[in-house]
C-alpha atoms as a PDB file:
ATOM      1  CA  MET A   1      -0.019   0.009  -0.044  1.00  0.00           C
ATOM      2  CA  LYS A   2       1.420   3.348  -1.092  1.00  0.00           C
ATOM      3  CA  ILE A   3       1.518   6.394   1.190  1.00  0.00           C
ATOM      4  CA  VAL A   4       0.391   9.296  -0.865  1.00  0.00           C
ATOM      5  CA  ARG A   5       0.578  13.002   0.505  1.00  0.00           C
ATOM      6  CA  LEU A   6      -1.742  14.959  -1.902  1.00  0.00           C
ATOM      7  CA  ALA A   7      -0.544  18.484  -1.823  1.00  0.00           C
ATOM      8  CA  CYS A   8      -0.088  21.338  -4.293  1.00  0.00           C
ATOM      9  CA  GLY A   9       1.110  20.775  -7.768  1.00  0.00           C
ATOM     10  CA  VAL A  10       0.274  17.703  -9.890  1.00  0.00           C
ATOM     11  CA  ALA A  11      -2.145  15.148  -8.468  1.00  0.00           C
ATOM     12  CA  ALA A  12       0.070  13.629  -6.373  1.00  0.00           C
ATOM     13  CA  ALA A  13       1.526  10.529  -5.534  1.00  0.00           C
ATOM     14  CA  ALA A  14       3.673   7.407  -5.922  1.00  0.00           C
ATOM     15  CA  MET A  15       6.535   7.613  -8.558  1.00  0.00           C
ATOM     16  CA  VAL A  16       6.602   4.302 -10.295  1.00  0.00           C
ATOM     17  CA  GLY A  17       9.585   4.183 -12.835  1.00  0.00           C
ATOM     18  CA  GLY A  18       9.723   7.879 -12.903  1.00  0.00           C
ATOM     19  CA  VAL A  19       6.079   8.430 -13.687  1.00  0.00           C
ATOM     20  CA  ALA A  20       3.638  10.053 -11.267  1.00  0.00           C
ATOM     21  CA  MET A  21       0.677   7.676 -10.709  1.00  0.00           C
ATOM     22  CA  SER A  22      -2.559   9.151  -9.517  1.00  0.00           C
ATOM     23  CA  ALA A  23      -4.016   8.137  -6.294  1.00  0.00           C
ATOM     24  CA  SER A  24      -6.679   5.459  -6.035  1.00  0.00           C
ATOM     25  CA  ALA A  25      -8.975   4.613  -3.188  1.00  0.00           C
ATOM     26  CA  ALA A  26      -6.601   1.851  -2.080  1.00  0.00           C
ATOM     27  CA  ASP A  27      -3.923   4.161  -1.553  1.00  0.00           C
ATOM     28  CA  GLU A  28      -3.201   5.749   1.912  1.00  0.00           C
ATOM     29  CA  VAL A  29      -3.536   9.509   1.819  1.00  0.00           C
ATOM     30  CA  LEU A  30      -2.090  11.743   4.290  1.00  0.00           C
ATOM     31  CA  TRP A  31      -3.228  15.462   4.676  1.00  0.00           C
ATOM     32  CA  ASN A  32      -1.724  17.964   7.100  1.00  0.00           C
ATOM     33  CA  PHE A  33      -4.162  20.290   8.986  1.00  0.00           C
ATOM     34  CA  SER A  34      -2.812  23.445  10.584  1.00  0.00           C
ATOM     35  CA  ALA A  35      -4.246  24.423  13.732  1.00  0.00           C
ATOM     36  CA  TRP A  36      -3.483  26.830  16.691  1.00  0.00           C
ATOM     37  CA  GLY A  37      -3.842  26.282  20.375  1.00  0.00           C
ATOM     38  CA  LYS A  38      -4.330  22.922  22.066  1.00  0.00           C
ATOM     39  CA  PRO A  39      -6.966  20.431  21.597  1.00  0.00           C
ATOM     40  CA  ARG A  40     -10.297  21.921  22.957  1.00  0.00           C
ATOM     41  CA  ALA A  41     -14.038  22.133  22.302  1.00  0.00           C
ATOM     42  CA  PHE A  42     -13.386  24.168  19.176  1.00  0.00           C
ATOM     43  CA  THR A  43     -11.335  21.415  17.741  1.00  0.00           C
ATOM     44  CA  LYS A  44     -13.810  18.660  18.226  1.00  0.00           C
ATOM     45  CA  GLY A  45     -15.377  19.334  14.841  1.00  0.00           C
ATOM     46  CA  ILE A  46     -11.950  18.756  13.204  1.00  0.00           C
ATOM     47  CA  ASP A  47     -11.483  15.577  15.161  1.00  0.00           C
ATOM     48  CA  ALA A  48     -14.860  14.420  14.112  1.00  0.00           C
ATOM     49  CA  MET A  49     -13.909  15.009  10.525  1.00  0.00           C
ATOM     50  CA  SER A  50     -10.672  13.243  10.876  1.00  0.00           C
ATOM     51  CA  GLU A  51     -12.577  10.315  12.379  1.00  0.00           C
ATOM     52  CA  TYR A  52     -15.066  10.402   9.665  1.00  0.00           C
ATOM     53  CA  LEU A  53     -12.506  10.307   6.914  1.00  0.00           C
ATOM     54  CA  ALA A  54     -10.630   7.598   8.423  1.00  0.00           C
ATOM     55  CA  GLU A  55     -13.483   5.501   9.097  1.00  0.00           C
ATOM     56  CA  LYS A  56     -15.224   5.798   5.802  1.00  0.00           C
ATOM     57  CA  SER A  57     -11.907   5.159   3.947  1.00  0.00           C
ATOM     58  CA  GLY A  58     -11.044   1.978   5.831  1.00  0.00           C
ATOM     59  CA  GLY A  59      -8.388   3.963   7.744  1.00  0.00           C
ATOM     60  CA  ASN A  60      -6.575   5.053   4.535  1.00  0.00           C
ATOM     61  CA  PHE A  61      -7.375   8.591   4.620  1.00  0.00           C
ATOM     62  CA  LYS A  62      -5.470  10.250   7.392  1.00  0.00           C
ATOM     63  CA  LEU A  63      -5.934  13.739   8.462  1.00  0.00           C
ATOM     64  CA  LYS A  64      -2.902  14.758  10.747  1.00  0.00           C
ATOM     65  CA  ILE A  65      -3.791  17.724  12.996  1.00  0.00           C
ATOM     66  CA  HIS A  66      -0.922  19.854  13.867  1.00  0.00           C
ATOM     67  CA  TYR A  67      -1.753  22.058  16.906  1.00  0.00           C
ATOM     68  CA  GLY A  68       0.066  25.038  18.438  1.00  0.00           C
ATOM     69  CA  GLU A  69       0.940  26.741  15.171  1.00  0.00           C
ATOM     70  CA  ALA A  70       3.394  23.932  14.709  1.00  0.00           C
ATOM     71  CA  ILE A  71       3.448  24.262  10.801  1.00  0.00           C
ATOM     72  CA  SER A  72       2.074  27.730  10.200  1.00  0.00           C
ATOM     73  CA  PRO A  73       1.226  30.960  12.273  1.00  0.00           C
ATOM     74  CA  SER A  74      -2.516  31.281  12.737  1.00  0.00           C
ATOM     75  CA  LYS A  75      -2.619  34.425  10.578  1.00  0.00           C
ATOM     76  CA  GLU A  76      -0.845  32.661   7.751  1.00  0.00           C
ATOM     77  CA  ASN A  77      -2.942  29.493   7.623  1.00  0.00           C
ATOM     78  CA  ILE A  78      -4.803  30.730   4.510  1.00  0.00           C
ATOM     79  CA  ASP A  79      -1.555  31.689   2.815  1.00  0.00           C
ATOM     80  CA  GLY A  80      -0.261  28.046   3.393  1.00  0.00           C
ATOM     81  CA  ILE A  81      -3.361  26.691   1.610  1.00  0.00           C
ATOM     82  CA  LYS A  82      -2.640  29.017  -1.258  1.00  0.00           C
ATOM     83  CA  ILE A  83       0.954  27.996  -1.693  1.00  0.00           C
ATOM     84  CA  GLY A  84       0.293  24.269  -0.704  1.00  0.00           C
ATOM     85  CA  SER A  85       2.348  23.970   2.393  1.00  0.00           C
ATOM     86  CA  HIS A  86      -0.540  22.168   4.064  1.00  0.00           C
ATOM     87  CA  GLU A  87      -3.714  20.637   2.610  1.00  0.00           C
ATOM     88  CA  ALA A  88      -6.158  21.879   5.136  1.00  0.00           C
ATOM     89  CA  ALA A  89      -6.210  24.477   7.965  1.00  0.00           C
ATOM     90  CA  MET A  90      -8.555  26.502  10.511  1.00  0.00           C
ATOM     91  CA  MET A  91      -8.834  30.041   9.742  1.00  0.00           C
ATOM     92  CA  CYS A  92     -10.714  33.033  11.261  1.00  0.00           C
ATOM     93  CA  THR A  93     -11.541  36.016   9.055  1.00  0.00           C
ATOM     94  CA  SER A  94     -11.146  38.605  11.634  1.00  0.00           C
ATOM     95  CA  TYR A  95      -7.498  37.666  12.063  1.00  0.00           C
ATOM     96  CA  HIS A  96      -6.818  39.078   8.645  1.00  0.00           C
ATOM     97  CA  PRO A  97     -10.011  40.888   7.222  1.00  0.00           C
ATOM     98  CA  GLY A  98      -8.033  42.415   4.375  1.00  0.00           C
ATOM     99  CA  LYS A  99      -7.500  38.874   2.919  1.00  0.00           C
ATOM    100  CA  ASN A 100     -11.190  37.776   3.148  1.00  0.00           C
ATOM    101  CA  PRO A 101     -13.436  40.967   3.486  1.00  0.00           C
ATOM    102  CA  ALA A 102     -16.598  39.227   2.367  1.00  0.00           C
ATOM    103  CA  GLY A 103     -16.317  36.635   5.202  1.00  0.00           C
ATOM    104  CA  THR A 104     -16.159  39.458   7.762  1.00  0.00           C
ATOM    105  CA  VAL A 105     -19.847  40.077   7.493  1.00  0.00           C
ATOM    106  CA  LEU A 106     -20.297  37.273   9.875  1.00  0.00           C
ATOM    107  CA  ASP A 107     -17.799  38.807  12.379  1.00  0.00           C
ATOM    108  CA  LEU A 108     -20.415  41.577  12.871  1.00  0.00           C
ATOM    109  CA  PRO A 109     -21.881  41.857  16.405  1.00  0.00           C
ATOM    110  CA  PHE A 110     -25.276  41.104  17.522  1.00  0.00           C
ATOM    111  CA  LEU A 111     -26.378  39.352  14.393  1.00  0.00           C
ATOM    112  CA  PRO A 112     -29.878  37.883  15.186  1.00  0.00           C
ATOM    113  CA  ILE A 113     -28.828  34.201  15.384  1.00  0.00           C
ATOM    114  CA  SER A 114     -30.718  32.345  18.021  1.00  0.00           C
ATOM    115  CA  ASP A 115     -28.583  29.317  18.721  1.00  0.00           C
ATOM    116  CA  LEU A 116     -25.490  27.226  17.488  1.00  0.00           C
ATOM    117  CA  THR A 117     -27.714  25.147  15.103  1.00  0.00           C
ATOM    118  CA  VAL A 118     -29.146  28.210  13.462  1.00  0.00           C
ATOM    119  CA  GLN A 119     -25.626  29.528  13.248  1.00  0.00           C
ATOM    120  CA  ALA A 120     -24.384  26.423  11.573  1.00  0.00           C
ATOM    121  CA  LYS A 121     -27.183  26.672   8.923  1.00  0.00           C
ATOM    122  CA  VAL A 122     -26.660  30.334   8.246  1.00  0.00           C
ATOM    123  CA  HIS A 123     -22.805  29.820   7.823  1.00  0.00           C
ATOM    124  CA  GLU A 124     -23.504  26.855   5.620  1.00  0.00           C
ATOM    125  CA  ASP A 125     -25.671  29.089   3.380  1.00  0.00           C
ATOM    126  CA  PHE A 126     -23.104  31.898   3.456  1.00  0.00           C
ATOM    127  CA  ILE A 127     -20.313  29.369   2.361  1.00  0.00           C
ATOM    128  CA  GLY A 128     -22.326  28.620  -0.713  1.00  0.00           C
ATOM    129  CA  HIS A 129     -22.860  32.418  -1.622  1.00  0.00           C
ATOM    130  CA  PRO A 130     -21.111  33.133  -4.994  1.00  0.00           C
ATOM    131  CA  GLU A 131     -19.185  36.118  -3.527  1.00  0.00           C
ATOM    132  CA  PHE A 132     -17.547  34.011  -0.802  1.00  0.00           C
ATOM    133  CA  LYS A 133     -16.855  31.327  -3.240  1.00  0.00           C
ATOM    134  CA  LYS A 134     -15.041  33.647  -5.349  1.00  0.00           C
ATOM    135  CA  GLU A 135     -13.090  35.061  -2.454  1.00  0.00           C
ATOM    136  CA  MET A 136     -12.111  31.754  -1.345  1.00  0.00           C
ATOM    137  CA  LYS A 137     -11.011  30.816  -4.960  1.00  0.00           C
ATOM    138  CA  ARG A 138      -8.455  33.651  -4.710  1.00  0.00           C
ATOM    139  CA  TRP A 139      -6.697  31.570  -2.063  1.00  0.00           C
ATOM    140  CA  ASN A 140      -7.067  28.183  -3.686  1.00  0.00           C
ATOM    141  CA  ALA A 141      -9.369  27.272  -0.797  1.00  0.00           C
ATOM    142  CA  ILE A 142     -12.577  25.531  -0.375  1.00  0.00           C
ATOM    143  CA  PRO A 143     -14.452  25.773   2.841  1.00  0.00           C
ATOM    144  CA  ILE A 144     -15.223  22.373   4.438  1.00  0.00           C
ATOM    145  CA  PHE A 145     -17.582  23.537   7.182  1.00  0.00           C
ATOM    146  CA  SER A 146     -17.599  26.470   9.718  1.00  0.00           C
ATOM    147  CA  GLY A 147     -16.008  26.270  13.210  1.00  0.00           C
ATOM    148  CA  ILE A 148     -19.118  27.601  14.819  1.00  0.00           C
ATOM    149  CA  LEU A 149     -18.499  29.476  18.034  1.00  0.00           C
ATOM    150  CA  PRO A 150     -20.777  30.260  21.048  1.00  0.00           C
ATOM    151  CA  GLN A 151     -21.710  33.884  21.857  1.00  0.00           C
ATOM    152  CA  TYR A 152     -18.787  35.961  22.988  1.00  0.00           C
ATOM    153  CA  GLU A 153     -18.650  37.256  26.451  1.00  0.00           C
ATOM    154  CA  ALA A 154     -15.954  39.267  28.508  1.00  0.00           C
ATOM    155  CA  MET A 155     -13.357  38.463  31.016  1.00  0.00           C
ATOM    156  CA  GLY A 156     -10.959  40.768  32.508  1.00  0.00           C
ATOM    157  CA  VAL A 157      -8.742  42.485  35.174  1.00  0.00           C
ATOM    158  CA  GLY A 158      -9.431  45.474  37.401  1.00  0.00           C
ATOM    159  CA  ASP A 159     -12.838  46.556  38.657  1.00  0.00           C
ATOM    160  CA  PRO A 160     -15.804  44.629  37.169  1.00  0.00           C
ATOM    161  CA  PRO A 161     -17.786  46.767  34.541  1.00  0.00           C
ATOM    162  CA  ARG A 162     -21.391  47.299  35.604  1.00  0.00           C
ATOM    163  CA  SER A 163     -22.549  49.348  32.596  1.00  0.00           C
ATOM    164  CA  ALA A 164     -21.657  50.291  29.106  1.00  0.00           C
ATOM    165  CA  ALA A 165     -19.925  53.348  30.611  1.00  0.00           C
ATOM    166  CA  ASP A 166     -17.421  51.239  32.531  1.00  0.00           C
ATOM    167  CA  PHE A 167     -15.765  49.918  29.406  1.00  0.00           C
ATOM    168  CA  LYS A 168     -14.455  53.481  28.594  1.00  0.00           C
ATOM    169  CA  GLY A 169     -10.766  53.610  28.286  1.00  0.00           C
ATOM    170  CA  LEU A 170     -10.168  49.864  28.641  1.00  0.00           C
ATOM    171  CA  ARG A 171      -8.009  47.936  26.271  1.00  0.00           C
ATOM    172  CA  VAL A 172     -10.263  45.243  24.940  1.00  0.00           C
ATOM    173  CA  ARG A 173      -9.225  42.182  22.882  1.00  0.00           C
ATOM    174  CA  GLY A 174     -12.096  42.626  20.424  1.00  0.00           C
ATOM    175  CA  LEU A 175     -12.112  41.127  16.953  1.00  0.00           C
ATOM    176  CA  GLY A 176     -13.797  42.496  13.836  1.00  0.00           C
ATOM    177  CA  GLY A 177     -17.229  43.946  14.460  1.00  0.00           C
ATOM    178  CA  ILE A 178     -16.991  43.080  18.172  1.00  0.00           C
ATOM    179  CA  GLY A 179     -13.982  45.379  18.376  1.00  0.00           C
ATOM    180  CA  GLN A 180     -15.982  48.019  16.569  1.00  0.00           C
ATOM    181  CA  PHE A 181     -18.770  47.948  19.110  1.00  0.00           C
ATOM    182  CA  PHE A 182     -16.262  48.313  21.845  1.00  0.00           C
ATOM    183  CA  ASP A 183     -14.768  51.337  20.081  1.00  0.00           C
ATOM    184  CA  LYS A 184     -18.299  52.974  20.366  1.00  0.00           C
ATOM    185  CA  LEU A 185     -18.297  52.323  24.072  1.00  0.00           C
ATOM    186  CA  GLY A 186     -15.012  54.379  24.179  1.00  0.00           C
ATOM    187  CA  ALA A 187     -12.808  51.378  24.869  1.00  0.00           C
ATOM    188  CA  VAL A 188      -9.678  50.669  22.783  1.00  0.00           C
ATOM    189  CA  PRO A 189     -10.225  47.469  20.710  1.00  0.00           C
ATOM    190  CA  THR A 190      -7.069  45.451  19.843  1.00  0.00           C
ATOM    191  CA  THR A 191      -6.540  42.458  17.595  1.00  0.00           C
ATOM    192  CA  VAL A 192      -4.832  39.738  19.737  1.00  0.00           C
ATOM    193  CA  THR A 193      -4.601  36.209  18.509  1.00  0.00           C
ATOM    194  CA  ALA A 194      -5.819  33.389  20.867  1.00  0.00           C
ATOM    195  CA  SER A 195      -2.438  32.192  21.213  1.00  0.00           C
ATOM    196  CA  GLU A 196      -1.150  35.566  22.536  1.00  0.00           C
ATOM    197  CA  SER A 197      -4.091  36.393  24.724  1.00  0.00           C
ATOM    198  CA  TYR A 198      -3.066  34.808  28.090  1.00  0.00           C
ATOM    199  CA  THR A 199       0.316  36.764  28.066  1.00  0.00           C
ATOM    200  CA  ALA A 200      -1.410  39.941  27.195  1.00  0.00           C
ATOM    201  CA  LEU A 201      -3.972  39.717  30.036  1.00  0.00           C
ATOM    202  CA  GLU A 202      -1.417  38.587  32.550  1.00  0.00           C
ATOM    203  CA  ARG A 203       0.915  41.500  31.774  1.00  0.00           C
ATOM    204  CA  GLY A 204      -1.959  43.869  31.732  1.00  0.00           C
ATOM    205  CA  THR A 205      -1.327  45.119  28.215  1.00  0.00           C
ATOM    206  CA  ILE A 206      -5.042  44.121  27.585  1.00  0.00           C
ATOM    207  CA  GLN A 207      -7.533  44.551  30.388  1.00  0.00           C
ATOM    208  CA  VAL A 208     -10.432  42.763  28.787  1.00  0.00           C
ATOM    209  CA  MET A 209     -10.737  39.646  26.770  1.00  0.00           C
ATOM    210  CA  THR A 210     -13.698  38.694  24.576  1.00  0.00           C
ATOM    211  CA  PHE A 211     -13.806  35.102  23.615  1.00  0.00           C
ATOM    212  CA  PRO A 212     -16.552  32.320  23.049  1.00  0.00           C
ATOM    213  CA  TYR A 213     -18.296  31.553  26.208  1.00  0.00           C
ATOM    214  CA  SER A 214     -17.494  29.546  28.158  1.00  0.00           C
ATOM    215  CA  TYR A 215     -14.953  27.073  26.819  1.00  0.00           C
ATOM    216  CA  ALA A 216     -12.439  29.374  25.223  1.00  0.00           C
ATOM    217  CA  PHE A 217     -11.626  31.275  28.405  1.00  0.00           C
ATOM    218  CA  GLY A 218     -10.782  28.056  30.122  1.00  0.00           C
ATOM    219  CA  ALA A 219      -8.853  26.635  27.104  1.00  0.00           C
ATOM    220  CA  TYR A 220      -6.598  29.640  27.259  1.00  0.00           C
ATOM    221  CA  ARG A 221      -6.573  29.734  31.029  1.00  0.00           C
ATOM    222  CA  HIS A 222      -7.779  33.396  31.325  1.00  0.00           C
ATOM    223  CA  HIS A 223      -9.634  32.545  34.452  1.00  0.00           C
ATOM    224  CA  GLU A 224      -6.157  31.932  36.100  1.00  0.00           C
ATOM    225  CA  VAL A 225      -5.435  35.844  35.933  1.00  0.00           C
ATOM    226  CA  ALA A 226      -8.903  37.420  35.541  1.00  0.00           C
ATOM    227  CA  LYS A 227     -10.929  38.929  38.163  1.00  0.00           C
ATOM    228  CA  TRP A 228     -14.354  38.994  36.691  1.00  0.00           C
ATOM    229  CA  TYR A 229     -16.411  37.670  33.771  1.00  0.00           C
ATOM    230  CA  THR A 230     -19.648  38.634  32.112  1.00  0.00           C
ATOM    231  CA  GLU A 231     -22.939  36.761  31.428  1.00  0.00           C
ATOM    232  CA  GLY A 232     -25.589  38.419  29.122  1.00  0.00           C
ATOM    233  CA  MET A 233     -23.474  40.684  26.919  1.00  0.00           C
ATOM    234  CA  ALA A 234     -24.047  38.123  24.071  1.00  0.00           C
ATOM    235  CA  LEU A 235     -21.722  40.061  21.792  1.00  0.00           C
ATOM    236  CA  GLY A 236     -22.040  37.776  18.750  1.00  0.00           C
ATOM    237  CA  SER A 237     -19.459  35.515  17.278  1.00  0.00           C
ATOM    238  CA  VAL A 238     -16.744  35.386  14.611  1.00  0.00           C
ATOM    239  CA  PHE A 239     -16.422  33.242  11.367  1.00  0.00           C
ATOM    240  CA  CYS A 240     -13.863  30.537  11.471  1.00  0.00           C
ATOM    241  CA  PRO A 241     -14.317  28.204   8.580  1.00  0.00           C
ATOM    242  CA  GLN A 242     -12.080  25.124   8.163  1.00  0.00           C
ATOM    243  CA  LEU A 243     -10.520  25.036   4.705  1.00  0.00           C
ATOM    244  CA  MET A 244      -8.992  22.594   2.288  1.00  0.00           C
ATOM    245  CA  SER A 245      -6.801  23.283  -0.702  1.00  0.00           C
ATOM    246  CA  VAL A 246      -8.577  23.142  -4.328  1.00  0.00           C
ATOM    247  CA  THR A 247      -5.455  21.437  -5.626  1.00  0.00           C
ATOM    248  CA  ALA A 248      -5.203  18.782  -2.844  1.00  0.00           C
ATOM    249  CA  TYR A 249      -8.966  18.133  -3.137  1.00  0.00           C
ATOM    250  CA  ASN A 250      -8.870  17.764  -6.942  1.00  0.00           C
ATOM    251  CA  ALA A 251      -6.047  15.378  -6.578  1.00  0.00           C
ATOM    252  CA  LEU A 252      -8.041  12.893  -4.520  1.00  0.00           C
ATOM    253  CA  PRO A 253      -9.690   9.830  -6.122  1.00  0.00           C
ATOM    254  CA  ASP A 254     -13.426  10.291  -6.569  1.00  0.00           C
ATOM    255  CA  GLU A 255     -14.137   7.936  -3.639  1.00  0.00           C
ATOM    256  CA  TYR A 256     -12.403  10.309  -1.204  1.00  0.00           C
ATOM    257  CA  ARG A 257     -13.812  13.580  -2.682  1.00  0.00           C
ATOM    258  CA  ALA A 258     -17.237  12.011  -2.120  1.00  0.00           C
ATOM    259  CA  LEU A 259     -16.530  11.911   1.692  1.00  0.00           C
ATOM    260  CA  PHE A 260     -16.567  15.732   1.974  1.00  0.00           C
ATOM    261  CA  ASN A 261     -20.483  15.564   2.155  1.00  0.00           C
ATOM    262  CA  ASP A 262     -23.342  16.758   4.171  1.00  0.00           C
ATOM    263  CA  GLU A 263     -23.078  13.818   6.459  1.00  0.00           C
ATOM    264  CA  MET A 264     -19.474  14.584   7.390  1.00  0.00           C
ATOM    265  CA  LYS A 265     -20.251  18.351   7.862  1.00  0.00           C
ATOM    266  CA  TRP A 266     -23.213  17.737  10.129  1.00  0.00           C
ATOM    267  CA  ASN A 267     -21.421  14.992  12.086  1.00  0.00           C
ATOM    268  CA  SER A 268     -18.847  17.855  12.694  1.00  0.00           C
ATOM    269  CA  TYR A 269     -21.396  20.332  13.768  1.00  0.00           C
ATOM    270  CA  ASP A 270     -23.046  18.015  16.121  1.00  0.00           C
ATOM    271  CA  ALA A 271     -19.732  17.192  17.817  1.00  0.00           C
ATOM    272  CA  LEU A 272     -19.002  20.848  18.116  1.00  0.00           C
ATOM    273  CA  ILE A 273     -22.239  21.676  19.861  1.00  0.00           C
ATOM    274  CA  SER A 274     -22.031  18.619  22.104  1.00  0.00           C
ATOM    275  CA  ALA A 275     -18.589  19.841  23.080  1.00  0.00           C
ATOM    276  CA  TYR A 276     -19.752  23.357  23.978  1.00  0.00           C
ATOM    277  CA  VAL A 277     -22.357  21.877  26.179  1.00  0.00           C
ATOM    278  CA  GLU A 278     -19.979  19.702  28.042  1.00  0.00           C
ATOM    279  CA  ALA A 279     -17.536  22.549  28.319  1.00  0.00           C
ATOM    280  CA  ASP A 280     -20.162  24.751  29.959  1.00  0.00           C
ATOM    281  CA  LYS A 281     -20.721  21.961  32.614  1.00  0.00           C
ATOM    282  CA  LYS A 282     -16.991  22.034  33.349  1.00  0.00           C
ATOM    283  CA  TRP A 283     -16.019  25.797  33.182  1.00  0.00           C
ATOM    284  CA  ILE A 284     -18.946  27.756  34.461  1.00  0.00           C
ATOM    285  CA  PRO A 285     -18.830  26.276  38.019  1.00  0.00           C
ATOM    286  CA  ILE A 286     -15.047  27.054  37.966  1.00  0.00           C
ATOM    287  CA  TYR A 287     -15.464  30.692  36.957  1.00  0.00           C
ATOM    288  CA  GLU A 288     -18.233  31.134  39.547  1.00  0.00           C
ATOM    289  CA  LYS A 289     -15.767  30.017  42.379  1.00  0.00           C
ATOM    290  CA  ALA A 290     -12.741  31.878  41.047  1.00  0.00           C
ATOM    291  CA  MET A 291     -14.211  35.318  39.871  1.00  0.00           C
ATOM    292  CA  THR A 292     -16.834  37.799  40.170  1.00  0.00           C
ATOM    293  CA  ARG A 293     -19.807  37.343  37.731  1.00  0.00           C
ATOM    294  CA  VAL A 294     -21.132  40.312  36.076  1.00  0.00           C
ATOM    295  CA  GLU A 295     -24.622  39.873  34.688  1.00  0.00           C
ATOM    296  CA  PHE A 296     -26.260  42.255  32.449  1.00  0.00           C
ATOM    297  CA  THR A 297     -29.995  42.784  32.280  1.00  0.00           C
ATOM    298  CA  LYS A 298     -32.185  42.576  29.307  1.00  0.00           C
ATOM    299  CA  GLU A 299     -32.508  46.273  29.200  1.00  0.00           C
ATOM    300  CA  GLN A 300     -28.670  46.644  29.363  1.00  0.00           C
ATOM    301  CA  HIS A 301     -28.248  44.094  26.597  1.00  0.00           C
ATOM    302  CA  ALA A 302     -30.950  46.106  24.596  1.00  0.00           C
ATOM    303  CA  GLU A 303     -28.641  49.130  25.068  1.00  0.00           C
ATOM    304  CA  PHE A 304     -25.564  47.201  23.720  1.00  0.00           C
ATOM    305  CA  VAL A 305     -27.549  46.208  20.572  1.00  0.00           C
ATOM    306  CA  LYS A 306     -28.832  49.704  20.076  1.00  0.00           C
ATOM    307  CA  ILE A 307     -25.078  50.881  20.187  1.00  0.00           C
ATOM    308  CA  GLY A 308     -23.438  48.120  18.366  1.00  0.00           C
ATOM    309  CA  ALA A 309     -25.813  46.400  16.051  1.00  0.00           C
ATOM    310  CA  GLN A 310     -27.155  48.429  13.116  1.00  0.00           C
ATOM    311  CA  PRO A 311     -24.602  51.278  13.360  1.00  0.00           C
ATOM    312  CA  VAL A 312     -21.703  48.927  13.151  1.00  0.00           C
ATOM    313  CA  TRP A 313     -23.544  46.918  10.347  1.00  0.00           C
ATOM    314  CA  ASP A 314     -24.023  50.300   8.515  1.00  0.00           C
ATOM    315  CA  GLU A 315     -20.287  51.085   9.028  1.00  0.00           C
ATOM    316  CA  TRP A 316     -19.265  47.717   7.624  1.00  0.00           C
ATOM    317  CA  VAL A 317     -21.325  48.277   4.493  1.00  0.00           C
ATOM    318  CA  ALA A 318     -19.991  51.741   3.843  1.00  0.00           C
ATOM    319  CA  ALA A 319     -16.432  50.569   4.483  1.00  0.00           C
ATOM    320  CA  ASN A 320     -16.692  47.565   1.916  1.00  0.00           C
ATOM    321  CA  LYS A 321     -19.134  48.721  -0.627  1.00  0.00           C
ATOM    322  CA  ASP A 322     -16.583  49.816  -3.162  1.00  0.00           C
ATOM    323  CA  LYS A 323     -14.918  46.314  -3.238  1.00  0.00           C
ATOM    324  CA  LEU A 324     -17.892  44.011  -2.474  1.00  0.00           C
ATOM    325  CA  PRO A 325     -21.718  43.931  -2.771  1.00  0.00           C
ATOM    326  CA  ALA A 326     -21.648  44.674   0.922  1.00  0.00           C
ATOM    327  CA  GLN A 327     -25.249  45.393   1.579  1.00  0.00           C
ATOM    328  CA  GLU A 328     -26.419  42.291  -0.429  1.00  0.00           C
ATOM    329  CA  LEU A 329     -24.068  40.188   1.815  1.00  0.00           C
ATOM    330  CA  LEU A 330     -25.532  41.619   4.844  1.00  0.00           C
ATOM    331  CA  ASP A 331     -29.048  41.296   3.607  1.00  0.00           C
ATOM    332  CA  PHE A 332     -28.365  37.638   2.682  1.00  0.00           C
ATOM    333  CA  VAL A 333     -27.172  36.752   6.255  1.00  0.00           C
ATOM    334  CA  LEU A 334     -30.032  38.650   7.939  1.00  0.00           C
ATOM    335  CA  GLU A 335     -32.671  36.963   5.676  1.00  0.00           C
ATOM    336  CA  ARG A 336     -30.968  33.324   6.248  1.00  0.00           C
ATOM    337  CA  ALA A 337     -30.975  34.149   9.928  1.00  0.00           C
ATOM    338  CA  ALA A 338     -34.603  35.088   9.838  1.00  0.00           C
ATOM    339  CA  HIS A 339     -35.469  32.111   7.995  1.00  0.00           C
ATOM    340  CA  HIS A 340     -33.690  29.448  10.136  1.00  0.00           C
ATOM    341  CA  ASN A 341     -34.587  31.135  13.350  1.00  0.00           C
ATOM    342  CA  LYS A 342     -38.348  30.757  12.535  1.00  0.00           C
ATOM    343  CA  ALA A 343     -37.713  27.070  11.570  1.00  0.00           C
ATOM    344  CA  ALA A 344     -35.834  26.329  14.832  1.00  0.00           C
END
């Protein structure tokens, strides 16, 4: 049995008598997947995909997950897809909005998405939008599924905030549209990658971290240095699709290409949602014992939405209208959210 690493360039594989032989479903295929951080709830979808590919191929399709930015910095994963240094990778649009402006519509705060299942359906619809497909084609990339994330909350040092005004002047790790929302509160939004976040909070260069609640704060150990955390901000989420190389995908035999199907996607989404539920059971009691919980009322949340929803959405459209059908993309997301919320 030949081991075939399908990567950029020609359809890959074994050299027999100096001639490249295309892979067949009997071959072992090895793909390298570039990830950041450690295994955590967010990576359960990737684990499920890896297990699915192995099971359905009789163990012959191997997806090797490289954690901790071992083969690529987080902000360069999409570049690695383009040049073929790895076959697949995780990516978050807010880490490099200039590389993928269309995708940043899903980074906007307070999008009316009611739960994680609805989020998965909206993201799946968006992945199929012609404008996003065109954007991904420029990077030689195909989205596999979206790494859906729970609603973002805040965790920080110093005095606990009790109102919108209390964020004024604080340095906040706020990505994409969430950062724009904090700017409207008078805070100083900063883009810090997840891998850099613990050190930034520990040293006080950032006073507030916003991350998916609850798993991500625990995964990056923020609770070890933070003094408070919020419940009820429900800031929104960010768009983190899992990508694969067009070249690597096209080099697969038909039997392996067929594995990237709806069953595989929804198996991965189910694994993610289950992992977040289990993470809440683990982490929320730990946070309750270690820190001050800051709860915001429905009225305060309505104030946040008034400040950071439509105004930030309008600014995103204005900033992108000359390079994208920005209003069309926003309207598409809102329509899909309304459709799936109603069906939920």
